[in-house]
């Protein structure tokens, strides 16, 4: 069991005192509860000669997905150095010797907020401009040519390898029969496409709720890089356009907007111009069904953690209920459409 607030404050103070070479006090420690994959804490670090608002990301006792903080820290540094809107990473504790669990520190991005899952029309009059900025930023990420260091630090997964990664997670965490998820897995294995183009750095969880927006509708920061990998950028497009993140709008085929931001064609246009890639229509259906299967696996994993008494986080329990039911229905509808 990880310690409470006083223990976290002591750990942070000791680490930053050593890093800054002066005594540091921690004030206003506060946990963000918007997600359950990692613990995310905001705090103010005060020394004699400097004062910074920072954010800590560290592994919880139990989580929706198993990922590496060293990998997340690396790819966030890579994106920050490339000029993408990303919180500046500062210190890594890959082994958890400083924080009690693997984690890292980054600079706080002031003045932004992330949309909640149940907000309707969360961006209002700013939706179009914000959507253009967001999908352009996604294209700029996918325009980066993976370096040897990227290939060494990030998981390298073509479509089939990516599918089998999530298939293994599904098999490990499905506690009861899952006929829709298993039907999706059979279909995905039978129709696995070729890569849509050269491999790219893929964010992995690019969606509404994982970026910060100012009150004026400016994109401030792209968040939560823990699922980043080298792979097919169509994965990011399909996940961003998944109806779960549409804030209650109709499906994309019925006039809804991707992420409650832009019509899909407009989002793809922004992405294509920035990425210098072509949208792959032939594999789009596969990636959309894959997104639903990936979602189902994540929500099943959250239920597994709660049912196994490894976690008591209410966000995990919620994820095992509402998003799970949503994706179960969504995947069933997509499978029916492809078999008609």
Protein backbone atom coordinates (compact mmCIF):
# COMPACT_ATOMS: atom_id res chain seq x y z
CA UNK A 1 0.00 0.00 0.00
CA UNK A 2 1.37 3.39 -0.99
CA UNK A 3 1.60 5.95 1.81
CA UNK A 4 -0.67 8.93 2.41
CA UNK A 5 -0.18 12.64 1.82
CA UNK A 6 2.54 13.16 4.43
CA UNK A 7 4.59 10.29 3.09
CA UNK A 8 4.30 11.57 -0.49
CA UNK A 9 5.28 15.07 0.62
CA UNK A 10 8.36 13.70 2.38
CA UNK A 11 9.41 11.76 -0.70
CA UNK A 12 8.94 14.74 -3.01
CA UNK A 13 10.74 17.10 -0.66
CA UNK A 14 13.74 14.77 -0.32
CA UNK A 15 14.00 14.21 -4.09
CA UNK A 16 13.72 17.86 -5.05
CA UNK A 17 16.02 18.99 -2.23
CA UNK A 18 18.71 16.73 -3.71
CA UNK A 19 17.95 17.83 -7.28
CA UNK A 20 17.89 21.56 -6.48
CA UNK A 21 20.69 21.43 -3.88
CA UNK A 22 18.62 23.30 -1.31
CA UNK A 23 15.91 22.54 1.22
CA UNK A 24 12.52 22.20 -0.47
CA UNK A 25 9.05 22.24 1.06
CA UNK A 26 5.97 20.77 -0.62
CA UNK A 27 2.72 22.70 -0.47
CA UNK A 28 -0.81 22.28 -1.84
CA UNK A 29 -0.46 18.60 -2.76
CA UNK A 30 -3.60 17.60 -4.65
CA UNK A 31 -4.52 14.48 -6.63
CA UNK A 32 -6.33 14.68 -9.95
CA UNK A 33 -9.02 11.99 -10.02
CA UNK A 34 -9.98 12.16 -13.70
CA UNK A 35 -8.31 8.84 -14.55
CA UNK A 36 -7.20 5.62 -12.93
CA UNK A 37 -4.36 4.41 -15.12
CA UNK A 38 -1.75 6.38 -13.13
CA UNK A 39 -1.68 8.54 -10.02
CA UNK A 40 -1.39 12.20 -11.03
CA UNK A 41 -0.64 14.81 -8.35
CA UNK A 42 -0.20 18.59 -8.50
CA UNK A 43 1.91 20.45 -5.95
CA UNK A 44 4.02 23.52 -5.31
CA UNK A 45 7.73 23.00 -4.52
CA UNK A 46 9.32 25.87 -2.61
CA UNK A 47 13.02 26.36 -1.96
CA UNK A 48 15.01 29.37 -0.92
CA UNK A 49 15.94 30.30 -4.49
CA UNK A 50 13.16 28.84 -6.60
CA UNK A 51 9.50 27.97 -6.56
CA UNK A 52 7.73 25.75 -9.13
CA UNK A 53 4.32 24.22 -9.63
CA UNK A 54 4.88 20.63 -10.70
CA UNK A 55 2.98 17.44 -11.46
CA UNK A 56 3.91 13.92 -10.36
CA UNK A 57 2.87 10.82 -12.35
CA UNK A 58 3.47 7.48 -10.66
CA UNK A 59 2.21 3.91 -10.75
CA UNK A 60 -0.79 3.11 -8.54
CA UNK A 61 -1.37 -0.14 -6.66
CA UNK A 62 -3.63 -1.31 -9.52
CA UNK A 63 -4.34 0.15 -12.94
CA UNK A 64 -6.35 -0.05 -16.14
CA UNK A 65 -3.24 -0.78 -18.21
CA UNK A 66 0.33 -1.90 -17.56
CA UNK A 67 2.84 0.58 -18.94
CA UNK A 68 6.33 1.92 -18.26
CA UNK A 69 7.02 5.31 -16.70
CA UNK A 70 10.46 5.35 -18.33
CA UNK A 71 8.80 4.91 -21.73
CA UNK A 72 6.24 7.62 -20.99
CA UNK A 73 8.94 10.02 -19.79
CA UNK A 74 11.03 9.32 -22.90
CA UNK A 75 8.25 9.89 -25.44
CA UNK A 76 7.01 12.99 -23.65
CA UNK A 77 10.55 14.38 -23.82
CA UNK A 78 10.65 13.49 -27.51
CA UNK A 79 7.40 15.30 -28.22
CA UNK A 80 8.40 18.31 -26.10
CA UNK A 81 11.73 18.63 -27.93
CA UNK A 82 9.86 18.48 -31.25
CA UNK A 83 7.82 21.52 -30.27
CA UNK A 84 4.51 19.79 -29.64
CA UNK A 85 2.29 21.16 -26.85
CA UNK A 86 3.39 18.82 -24.07
CA UNK A 87 4.12 19.42 -20.36
CA UNK A 88 7.88 19.66 -19.89
CA UNK A 89 9.24 16.44 -18.30
CA UNK A 90 11.82 17.12 -15.58
CA UNK A 91 12.88 14.14 -13.42
CA UNK A 92 12.44 10.39 -13.83
CA UNK A 93 12.34 7.78 -11.07
CA UNK A 94 12.18 4.65 -13.20
CA UNK A 95 12.66 2.18 -10.34
CA UNK A 96 10.51 3.96 -7.76
CA UNK A 97 13.37 4.54 -5.34
CA UNK A 98 12.38 8.18 -4.78
CA UNK A 99 8.59 8.06 -5.13
CA UNK A 100 7.83 4.62 -3.72
CA UNK A 101 6.63 3.54 -7.17
CA UNK A 102 7.95 4.25 -10.68
CA UNK A 103 7.10 7.78 -11.75
CA UNK A 104 8.31 11.15 -12.94
CA UNK A 105 7.88 14.88 -12.45
CA UNK A 106 6.87 17.44 -15.05
CA UNK A 107 6.07 21.12 -15.09
CA UNK A 108 2.44 22.09 -14.45
CA UNK A 109 0.58 23.62 -17.40
CA UNK A 110 -1.39 26.51 -15.93
CA UNK A 111 -4.91 27.57 -16.78
CA UNK A 112 -6.25 24.57 -18.67
CA UNK A 113 -8.95 21.98 -18.19
CA UNK A 114 -9.79 18.60 -19.71
CA UNK A 115 -13.34 17.82 -20.79
CA UNK A 116 -15.30 15.32 -18.72
CA UNK A 117 -16.82 12.24 -20.36
CA UNK A 118 -20.42 13.36 -19.74
CA UNK A 119 -20.08 17.01 -20.74
CA UNK A 120 -22.27 17.88 -23.71
CA UNK A 121 -20.70 20.18 -26.31
CA UNK A 122 -17.70 20.82 -24.01
CA UNK A 123 -15.92 23.19 -26.42
CA UNK A 124 -18.86 25.28 -27.61
CA UNK A 125 -18.01 27.94 -30.16
CA UNK A 126 -14.32 26.98 -29.97
CA UNK A 127 -14.86 23.41 -31.24
CA UNK A 128 -13.91 23.93 -34.89
CA UNK A 129 -10.76 25.96 -34.27
CA UNK A 130 -9.68 23.69 -31.42
CA UNK A 131 -10.35 20.61 -33.52
CA UNK A 132 -8.23 21.95 -36.37
CA UNK A 133 -5.39 22.65 -33.93
CA UNK A 134 -5.70 19.27 -32.24
CA UNK A 135 -5.75 17.11 -35.37
CA UNK A 136 -2.95 19.21 -36.83
CA UNK A 137 -0.89 18.47 -33.70
CA UNK A 138 -1.66 14.77 -34.12
CA UNK A 139 -0.43 14.99 -37.71
CA UNK A 140 2.75 16.73 -36.58
CA UNK A 141 3.39 13.88 -34.14
CA UNK A 142 2.92 11.32 -36.90
CA UNK A 143 5.21 13.30 -39.20
CA UNK A 144 8.16 12.65 -36.88
CA UNK A 145 10.41 9.96 -38.33
CA UNK A 146 11.17 7.36 -35.62
CA UNK A 147 14.87 7.38 -34.72
CA UNK A 148 16.94 4.39 -33.58
CA UNK A 149 16.51 5.67 -30.02
CA UNK A 150 12.73 5.78 -30.49
CA UNK A 151 12.75 2.23 -31.78
CA UNK A 152 14.81 1.10 -28.79
CA UNK A 153 12.73 2.88 -26.15
CA UNK A 154 9.17 2.40 -27.43
CA UNK A 155 7.26 -0.82 -28.14
CA UNK A 156 7.30 -1.52 -31.89
CA UNK A 157 3.93 -2.93 -32.97
CA UNK A 158 2.55 -3.40 -36.48
CA UNK A 159 -1.24 -3.98 -36.72
CA UNK A 160 -1.06 -7.71 -35.97
CA UNK A 161 1.42 -7.29 -33.11
CA UNK A 162 -0.77 -4.54 -31.66
CA UNK A 163 -3.81 -6.79 -31.89
CA UNK A 164 -2.05 -9.69 -30.20
CA UNK A 165 -0.85 -7.38 -27.42
CA UNK A 166 -4.45 -6.54 -26.55
CA UNK A 167 -5.61 -10.09 -27.16
CA UNK A 168 -3.18 -11.25 -24.45
CA UNK A 169 -4.51 -8.59 -22.07
CA UNK A 170 -8.06 -9.69 -22.84
CA UNK A 171 -7.32 -13.35 -22.13
CA UNK A 172 -5.60 -12.45 -18.87
CA UNK A 173 -8.47 -10.35 -17.51
CA UNK A 174 -11.77 -11.70 -18.86
CA UNK A 175 -13.43 -13.22 -15.78
CA UNK A 176 -16.58 -14.43 -17.53
CA UNK A 177 -17.72 -15.20 -21.10
CA UNK A 178 -17.36 -12.23 -23.44
CA UNK A 179 -19.09 -13.27 -26.69
CA UNK A 180 -18.95 -9.85 -28.36
CA UNK A 181 -15.28 -9.24 -27.57
CA UNK A 182 -14.40 -12.77 -28.71
CA UNK A 183 -16.34 -12.30 -31.95
CA UNK A 184 -14.46 -9.04 -32.52
CA UNK A 185 -11.14 -10.75 -31.88
CA UNK A 186 -11.96 -13.49 -34.39
CA UNK A 187 -12.96 -10.91 -37.01
CA UNK A 188 -9.88 -8.76 -36.37
CA UNK A 189 -7.54 -11.74 -36.69
CA UNK A 190 -9.22 -12.83 -39.93
CA UNK A 191 -9.08 -9.37 -41.53
CA UNK A 192 -5.82 -7.87 -40.21
CA UNK A 193 -4.61 -5.23 -42.70
CA UNK A 194 -1.17 -4.28 -43.89
CA UNK A 195 0.32 -1.16 -42.30
CA UNK A 196 -1.10 2.03 -43.79
CA UNK A 197 2.40 3.42 -44.35
CA UNK A 198 5.78 3.81 -42.65
CA UNK A 199 5.73 3.36 -38.87
CA UNK A 200 5.12 6.44 -36.76
CA UNK A 201 5.23 7.50 -33.12
CA UNK A 202 1.68 6.76 -31.99
CA UNK A 203 0.27 8.49 -28.91
CA UNK A 204 -1.92 5.50 -28.08
CA UNK A 205 -4.64 7.30 -26.07
CA UNK A 206 -5.36 10.37 -28.19
CA UNK A 207 -8.90 11.37 -27.22
CA UNK A 208 -11.13 13.90 -25.57
CA UNK A 209 -10.13 14.22 -21.93
CA UNK A 210 -6.43 13.78 -22.64
CA UNK A 211 -5.68 17.35 -23.63
CA UNK A 212 -5.89 20.65 -21.79
CA UNK A 213 -7.81 23.61 -23.23
CA UNK A 214 -7.81 27.23 -22.11
CA UNK A 215 -11.01 29.20 -21.48
CA UNK A 216 -10.42 30.86 -24.86
CA UNK A 217 -10.37 27.47 -26.58
CA UNK A 218 -6.60 27.22 -27.14
CA UNK A 219 -4.90 23.83 -27.03
CA UNK A 220 -2.45 23.98 -24.11
CA UNK A 221 -1.12 20.45 -23.71
CA UNK A 222 -1.42 16.87 -24.89
CA UNK A 223 -1.48 14.52 -21.90
CA UNK A 224 -1.12 10.85 -20.90
CA UNK A 225 1.55 9.42 -23.20
CA UNK A 226 1.78 6.11 -21.35
CA UNK A 227 0.38 4.00 -24.24
CA UNK A 228 2.76 5.46 -26.84
CA UNK A 229 4.41 3.06 -29.26
CA UNK A 230 5.87 2.80 -32.74
CA UNK A 231 3.10 1.65 -35.03
CA UNK A 232 0.32 2.60 -37.41
CA UNK A 233 -1.04 6.15 -36.98
CA UNK A 234 -4.50 4.95 -38.01
CA UNK A 235 -4.78 3.66 -34.44
CA UNK A 236 -4.73 7.21 -33.08
CA UNK A 237 -7.32 8.43 -35.59
CA UNK A 238 -9.70 5.56 -34.86
CA UNK A 239 -9.41 5.98 -31.07
CA UNK A 240 -9.88 9.76 -31.28
CA UNK A 241 -13.00 9.25 -33.42
CA UNK A 242 -14.48 6.49 -31.26
CA UNK A 243 -18.06 7.40 -30.28
CA UNK A 244 -17.26 6.94 -26.58
CA UNK A 245 -15.39 10.24 -26.74
CA UNK A 246 -18.10 12.10 -28.71
CA UNK A 247 -19.80 13.60 -25.64
CA UNK A 248 -23.19 12.22 -26.56
CA UNK A 249 -23.25 13.25 -30.21
CA UNK A 250 -24.60 10.93 -32.88
CA UNK A 251 -22.35 8.45 -34.62
CA UNK A 252 -19.89 9.67 -37.24
CA UNK A 253 -22.03 8.23 -40.00
CA UNK A 254 -25.00 10.31 -38.83
CA UNK A 255 -23.39 13.74 -38.79
CA UNK A 256 -21.59 13.54 -35.46
CA UNK A 257 -18.19 15.12 -34.89
CA UNK A 258 -15.01 13.30 -33.95
CA UNK A 259 -14.47 14.08 -30.29
CA UNK A 260 -17.30 16.66 -30.47
CA UNK A 261 -14.83 18.81 -32.40
CA UNK A 262 -14.86 18.32 -36.18
CA UNK A 263 -16.65 16.23 -38.81
CA UNK A 264 -14.44 13.25 -39.55
CA UNK A 265 -13.54 14.42 -43.07
CA UNK A 266 -12.35 17.77 -41.71
CA UNK A 267 -10.34 16.11 -38.94
CA UNK A 268 -8.70 13.78 -41.45
CA UNK A 269 -7.89 16.72 -43.73
CA UNK A 270 -6.06 18.56 -40.94
CA UNK A 271 -4.19 15.38 -40.05
CA UNK A 272 -3.20 14.62 -43.64
CA UNK A 273 -1.84 18.11 -44.27
CA UNK A 274 0.28 18.05 -41.11
CA UNK A 275 1.45 14.43 -41.27
CA UNK A 276 2.12 14.33 -45.04
CA UNK A 277 0.40 10.93 -44.96
CA UNK A 278 -2.70 9.58 -46.64
CA UNK A 279 -5.72 8.35 -44.75
CA UNK A 280 -6.13 4.62 -45.40
CA UNK A 281 -9.82 4.01 -46.20
CA UNK A 282 -9.20 0.30 -46.74
CA UNK A 283 -8.18 -0.31 -43.12
CA UNK A 284 -10.51 2.20 -41.43
CA UNK A 285 -13.22 -0.31 -40.50
CA UNK A 286 -10.61 -2.65 -39.04
CA UNK A 287 -9.10 0.11 -36.90
CA UNK A 288 -12.52 1.23 -35.67
CA UNK A 289 -13.41 -2.29 -34.56
CA UNK A 290 -9.93 -2.63 -33.06
CA UNK A 291 -10.53 0.58 -31.07
CA UNK A 292 -13.71 -0.92 -29.65
CA UNK A 293 -11.97 -4.20 -28.79
CA UNK A 294 -9.11 -2.31 -27.15
CA UNK A 295 -11.63 -0.32 -25.13
CA UNK A 296 -13.47 -3.46 -24.02
CA UNK A 297 -10.18 -4.98 -22.89
CA UNK A 298 -9.27 -1.89 -20.87
CA UNK A 299 -12.66 -1.82 -19.13
CA UNK A 300 -12.51 -5.57 -18.44
CA UNK A 301 -9.08 -5.06 -16.90
CA UNK A 302 -10.44 -2.37 -14.60
CA UNK A 303 -13.21 -4.72 -13.48
CA UNK A 304 -10.65 -7.46 -12.90
CA UNK A 305 -8.65 -5.21 -10.57
CA UNK A 306 -11.75 -4.35 -8.54
CA UNK A 307 -13.10 -7.92 -8.44
CA UNK A 308 -9.66 -9.18 -7.37
CA UNK A 309 -9.70 -6.66 -4.49
CA UNK A 310 -6.47 -5.13 -5.77
CA UNK A 311 -8.09 -1.70 -6.05
CA UNK A 312 -10.90 0.32 -4.50
CA UNK A 313 -10.70 3.31 -6.85
CA UNK A 314 -14.30 4.21 -7.87
CA UNK A 315 -13.05 5.24 -11.33
CA UNK A 316 -12.01 1.63 -11.94
CA UNK A 317 -15.44 0.39 -10.88
CA UNK A 318 -17.14 2.96 -13.11
CA UNK A 319 -14.94 1.99 -16.07
CA UNK A 320 -16.00 -1.63 -15.69
CA UNK A 321 -19.64 -0.55 -15.97
CA UNK A 322 -20.46 2.37 -18.26
CA UNK A 323 -17.60 2.39 -20.84
CA UNK A 324 -17.73 -1.42 -20.91
CA UNK A 325 -21.45 -1.46 -21.72
CA UNK A 326 -21.00 1.32 -24.29
CA UNK A 327 -18.25 -0.49 -26.17
CA UNK A 328 -20.02 -3.84 -25.93
CA UNK A 329 -23.00 -2.30 -27.76
CA UNK A 330 -20.79 -0.36 -30.18
CA UNK A 331 -18.66 -3.34 -31.17
CA UNK A 332 -21.74 -5.53 -31.64
CA UNK A 333 -23.24 -2.93 -33.98
CA UNK A 334 -20.02 -2.68 -36.02
CA UNK A 335 -19.73 -6.45 -36.32
CA UNK A 336 -23.34 -6.66 -37.48
CA UNK A 337 -22.62 -4.02 -40.13
CA UNK A 338 -19.57 -5.82 -41.55
CA UNK A 339 -21.40 -9.14 -41.68
CA UNK A 340 -24.52 -7.78 -43.41
